[in-house]
Amino acid sequence: MQPINPRAFARSAADQIIARDFGRVYGVTTLTEYFDLIDRRSTAHLIQCQANRVIRTAGHQRRKARLTIEGGQLLVSIPMNDPRSGRPVWAVTDFGIWIDLLEGGFDAAWVYNHKGENRRFGQVRIAVPVAAGYQKAAVTRIITNAKAGQQARTRDGNPLNLRRSNLYILGQPGTAQGRVGRAKTDTLGNYRASVEVRRALARKSRGAADQ
């Protein structure tokens, strides 16, 4: 009996999820086919040279992601670069969360930044598709749906551990707990608005091409 390859087993599990959830909807049955779909969908509003640039960054990052199974849970690790050390770092989250983000239009490249010179840890952020007032959004805030006056934090203090079970909200405006931090925006809502703008641009581009 041949030993089971953990990486191949995790990839097979991911392919099964894609086939189950998107086979009928999109006609894709593997993660690779799904990535190709995301590449097309996220660049439909761009001219070809710009689309190629996005695929070389966000698309390439998706294809380098590592899949693992821990405690019966399928996880994905996203590769990034630490700008201070120049070394690679990996943000880990639940595979289902990652797919939900991609389905919601949160398909830009993930980046790891430090918020200040004295900060021990950094923050994982993702570019807004059509920037309107801010360029990047914190992945923790997107996953937790943090509102104005709320902070999204990790239970273990590790900014790269983005499993949903490791994230929590601090601050409840309108209650005795009150506001926490300086966030003034509904991050998830604003990002979704930018996704809708991108979709409208894509529809306009397709309409112009059909004329």
Protein backbone atom coordinates (compact mmCIF):
# COMPACT_ATOMS: atom_id res chain seq x y z
CA MET A 1 0.00 0.00 0.00
CA GLN A 2 1.48 3.31 -1.10
CA PRO A 3 1.70 6.11 1.51
CA ILE A 4 -0.77 8.96 1.09
CA ASN A 5 0.74 12.20 -0.18
CA PRO A 6 -0.66 14.91 2.16
CA ARG A 7 -0.38 17.64 -0.47
CA ALA A 8 -2.11 15.58 -3.14
CA PHE A 9 -4.82 14.56 -0.67
CA ALA A 10 -5.50 18.21 0.24
CA ARG A 11 -5.60 19.22 -3.42
CA SER A 12 -8.04 16.40 -4.17
CA ALA A 13 -10.27 17.58 -1.32
CA ALA A 14 -10.19 21.13 -2.75
CA ASP A 15 -11.08 19.86 -6.23
CA GLN A 16 -14.04 17.95 -4.81
CA ILE A 17 -15.32 21.08 -3.07
CA ILE A 18 -15.01 23.12 -6.27
CA ALA A 19 -16.80 20.46 -8.33
CA ARG A 20 -19.58 20.19 -5.74
CA ASP A 21 -20.15 23.92 -5.29
CA PHE A 22 -19.41 25.31 -8.74
CA GLY A 23 -19.69 22.45 -11.23
CA ARG A 24 -23.20 23.32 -12.31
CA VAL A 25 -22.94 27.06 -11.78
CA TYR A 26 -19.68 27.74 -13.61
CA GLY A 27 -18.86 24.47 -15.33
CA VAL A 28 -15.58 24.11 -13.41
CA THR A 29 -14.60 20.91 -11.62
CA THR A 30 -11.06 21.58 -10.38
CA LEU A 31 -9.29 24.33 -8.48
CA THR A 32 -7.16 25.11 -11.54
CA GLU A 33 -10.25 25.67 -13.66
CA TYR A 34 -11.71 27.84 -10.93
CA PHE A 35 -8.54 29.96 -10.80
CA ASP A 36 -8.77 30.46 -14.57
CA LEU A 37 -12.36 31.65 -14.08
CA ILE A 38 -11.31 34.10 -11.36
CA ASP A 39 -8.54 35.45 -13.62
CA ARG A 40 -11.05 36.17 -16.38
CA ARG A 41 -13.67 37.58 -14.06
CA SER A 42 -11.31 39.89 -12.15
CA THR A 43 -9.78 41.39 -15.29
CA ALA A 44 -12.83 41.69 -17.56
CA HIS A 45 -12.82 45.48 -17.16
CA LEU A 46 -9.15 45.88 -18.07
CA ILE A 47 -7.24 46.15 -21.33
CA GLN A 48 -5.07 43.13 -22.06
CA CYS A 49 -1.73 44.47 -20.84
CA GLN A 50 -3.29 45.47 -17.50
CA ALA A 51 -5.08 42.14 -17.24
CA ASN A 52 -1.81 40.31 -17.79
CA ARG A 53 -0.22 42.29 -14.95
CA VAL A 54 -3.01 41.32 -12.54
CA ILE A 55 -2.75 37.67 -13.53
CA ARG A 56 1.02 37.74 -12.98
CA THR A 57 0.50 39.02 -9.43
CA ALA A 58 -2.80 37.93 -7.86
CA GLY A 59 -3.28 35.00 -10.24
CA HIS A 60 0.23 33.72 -9.68
CA GLN A 61 -0.11 34.09 -5.91
CA ARG A 62 -3.28 31.96 -5.92
CA ARG A 63 -1.52 29.21 -7.82
CA LYS A 64 1.38 29.19 -5.33
CA ALA A 65 -0.93 28.83 -2.33
CA ARG A 66 -0.40 25.71 -0.19
CA LEU A 67 -3.25 23.44 0.80
CA THR A 68 -3.09 21.40 4.00
CA ILE A 69 -5.47 19.45 6.19
CA GLU A 70 -5.19 19.98 9.92
CA GLY A 71 -7.61 18.50 12.43
CA GLY A 72 -9.91 17.51 9.60
CA GLN A 73 -10.04 21.10 8.31
CA LEU A 74 -8.86 22.14 4.86
CA LEU A 75 -6.60 25.19 5.13
CA VAL A 76 -4.87 27.43 2.61
CA SER A 77 -1.61 29.33 3.11
CA ILE A 78 -1.09 32.43 0.97
CA PRO A 79 2.51 33.40 0.11
CA MET A 80 3.62 37.00 0.63
CA ASN A 81 6.83 38.92 1.20
CA ASP A 82 7.84 40.65 4.44
CA PRO A 83 9.07 44.09 3.28
CA ARG A 84 11.31 44.48 6.33
CA SER A 85 13.19 41.20 6.16
CA GLY A 86 12.72 40.40 2.48
CA ARG A 87 11.74 36.88 3.50
CA PRO A 88 8.60 35.00 2.48
CA VAL A 89 5.74 34.77 4.95
CA TRP A 90 2.52 32.77 4.71
CA ALA A 91 -0.96 33.83 5.85
CA VAL A 92 -3.19 30.88 6.70
CA THR A 93 -6.98 30.78 6.64
CA ASP A 94 -9.80 28.31 6.16
CA PHE A 95 -10.20 27.13 2.58
CA GLY A 96 -13.92 27.88 2.74
CA ILE A 97 -13.23 31.45 3.90
CA TRP A 98 -10.78 31.94 1.04
CA ILE A 99 -13.29 30.72 -1.54
CA ASP A 100 -15.98 32.94 -0.04
CA LEU A 101 -13.61 35.90 -0.41
CA LEU A 102 -12.89 35.05 -4.03
CA GLU A 103 -16.60 34.66 -4.74
CA GLY A 104 -17.24 38.07 -3.19
CA GLY A 105 -14.73 39.72 -5.52
CA PHE A 106 -11.90 39.87 -2.97
CA ASP A 107 -9.50 38.47 -5.52
CA ALA A 108 -6.54 40.89 -5.52
CA ALA A 109 -3.09 39.89 -4.27
CA TRP A 110 -2.57 39.65 -0.53
CA VAL A 111 0.25 41.79 0.89
CA TYR A 112 1.98 41.94 4.26
CA ASN A 113 2.67 45.43 5.60
CA HIS A 114 3.88 46.92 8.86
CA LYS A 115 1.71 49.75 10.13
CA GLY A 116 4.50 51.61 11.91
CA GLU A 117 8.17 51.52 12.80
CA ASN A 118 7.50 50.37 16.35
CA ARG A 119 4.92 47.71 15.50
CA ARG A 120 6.14 44.21 16.27
CA PHE A 121 3.66 42.61 13.94
CA GLY A 122 2.34 43.58 10.55
CA GLN A 123 -1.02 43.31 8.86
CA VAL A 124 -2.30 41.32 5.90
CA ARG A 125 -4.15 43.51 3.43
CA ILE A 126 -5.72 43.18 0.01
CA ALA A 127 -6.00 45.78 -2.73
CA VAL A 128 -9.38 47.35 -3.45
CA PRO A 129 -10.37 46.60 -7.09
CA VAL A 130 -11.47 50.16 -7.92
CA ALA A 131 -9.94 52.39 -5.27
CA ALA A 132 -12.21 55.08 -3.86
CA GLY A 133 -10.64 56.79 -0.89
CA TYR A 134 -8.43 53.94 0.24
CA GLN A 135 -6.09 51.58 -1.57
CA LYS A 136 -6.03 48.44 0.59
CA ALA A 137 -8.24 46.77 3.18
CA ALA A 138 -7.26 44.57 6.11
CA VAL A 139 -8.21 40.94 5.55
CA THR A 140 -9.08 40.59 9.25
CA ARG A 141 -11.67 43.36 8.93
CA ILE A 142 -13.15 41.82 5.81
CA ILE A 143 -13.50 38.34 7.33
CA THR A 144 -15.03 39.63 10.57
CA ASN A 145 -17.10 42.37 8.90
CA ALA A 146 -15.69 45.00 11.25
CA LYS A 147 -17.63 48.26 11.23
CA ALA A 148 -16.68 51.83 12.08
CA GLY A 149 -15.45 51.99 15.66
CA GLN A 150 -14.50 48.31 15.72
CA GLN A 151 -11.17 46.54 15.54
CA ALA A 152 -10.57 43.04 14.21
CA ARG A 153 -7.92 41.20 16.19
CA THR A 154 -6.29 37.78 16.35
CA ARG A 155 -6.64 35.76 19.54
CA ASP A 156 -3.05 34.51 19.43
CA GLY A 157 -1.53 37.83 18.38
CA ASN A 158 -0.25 36.36 15.11
CA PRO A 159 -1.31 38.59 12.18
CA LEU A 160 -0.73 35.70 9.77
CA ASN A 161 -3.18 33.34 11.49
CA LEU A 162 -6.39 34.32 9.73
CA ARG A 163 -8.46 31.27 10.57
CA ARG A 164 -11.98 32.45 11.35
CA SER A 165 -11.79 30.85 14.80
CA ASN A 166 -8.72 33.00 15.59
CA LEU A 167 -10.38 36.34 14.80
CA TYR A 168 -12.62 38.46 16.96
CA ILE A 169 -14.14 41.94 17.10
CA LEU A 170 -13.23 44.51 19.73
CA GLY A 171 -15.54 47.47 20.21
CA GLN A 172 -19.31 47.78 20.02
CA PRO A 173 -20.49 51.30 19.12
CA GLY A 174 -23.85 52.15 20.62
CA THR A 175 -23.31 49.92 23.66
CA ALA A 176 -21.60 50.30 27.01
CA GLN A 177 -18.42 48.89 25.47
CA GLY A 178 -18.32 51.74 22.98
CA ARG A 179 -16.01 52.43 20.06
CA VAL A 180 -12.47 51.10 19.86
CA GLY A 181 -9.78 52.36 17.52
CA ARG A 182 -9.91 54.97 14.82
CA ALA A 183 -11.61 53.01 12.04
CA LYS A 184 -14.30 55.18 10.44
CA THR A 185 -15.47 52.86 7.69
CA ASP A 186 -17.49 49.74 7.05
CA THR A 187 -14.61 47.91 5.36
CA LEU A 188 -16.62 45.03 3.93
CA GLY A 189 -19.39 47.28 2.66
CA ASN A 190 -16.98 49.70 1.02
CA TYR A 191 -15.07 46.88 -0.64
CA ARG A 192 -18.27 45.37 -1.99
CA ALA A 193 -19.20 48.75 -3.45
CA SER A 194 -15.86 48.80 -5.29
CA VAL A 195 -16.50 45.27 -6.57
CA GLU A 196 -19.84 46.43 -7.98
CA VAL A 197 -18.13 49.34 -9.72
CA ARG A 198 -15.69 46.89 -11.30
CA ARG A 199 -18.55 44.65 -12.44
CA ALA A 200 -20.30 47.64 -14.01
CA LEU A 201 -17.11 48.56 -15.86
CA ALA A 202 -16.79 44.98 -17.10
CA ARG A 203 -20.36 45.02 -18.42
CA LYS A 204 -19.67 48.34 -20.14
CA SER A 205 -16.50 46.94 -21.70
CA ARG A 206 -18.34 43.88 -22.98
CA GLY A 207 -21.09 46.07 -24.41
CA ALA A 208 -18.58 48.24 -26.24
CA ALA A 209 -16.85 45.13 -27.64
CA ASP A 210 -20.16 43.80 -28.98
CA GLN A 211 -20.94 46.97 -30.90
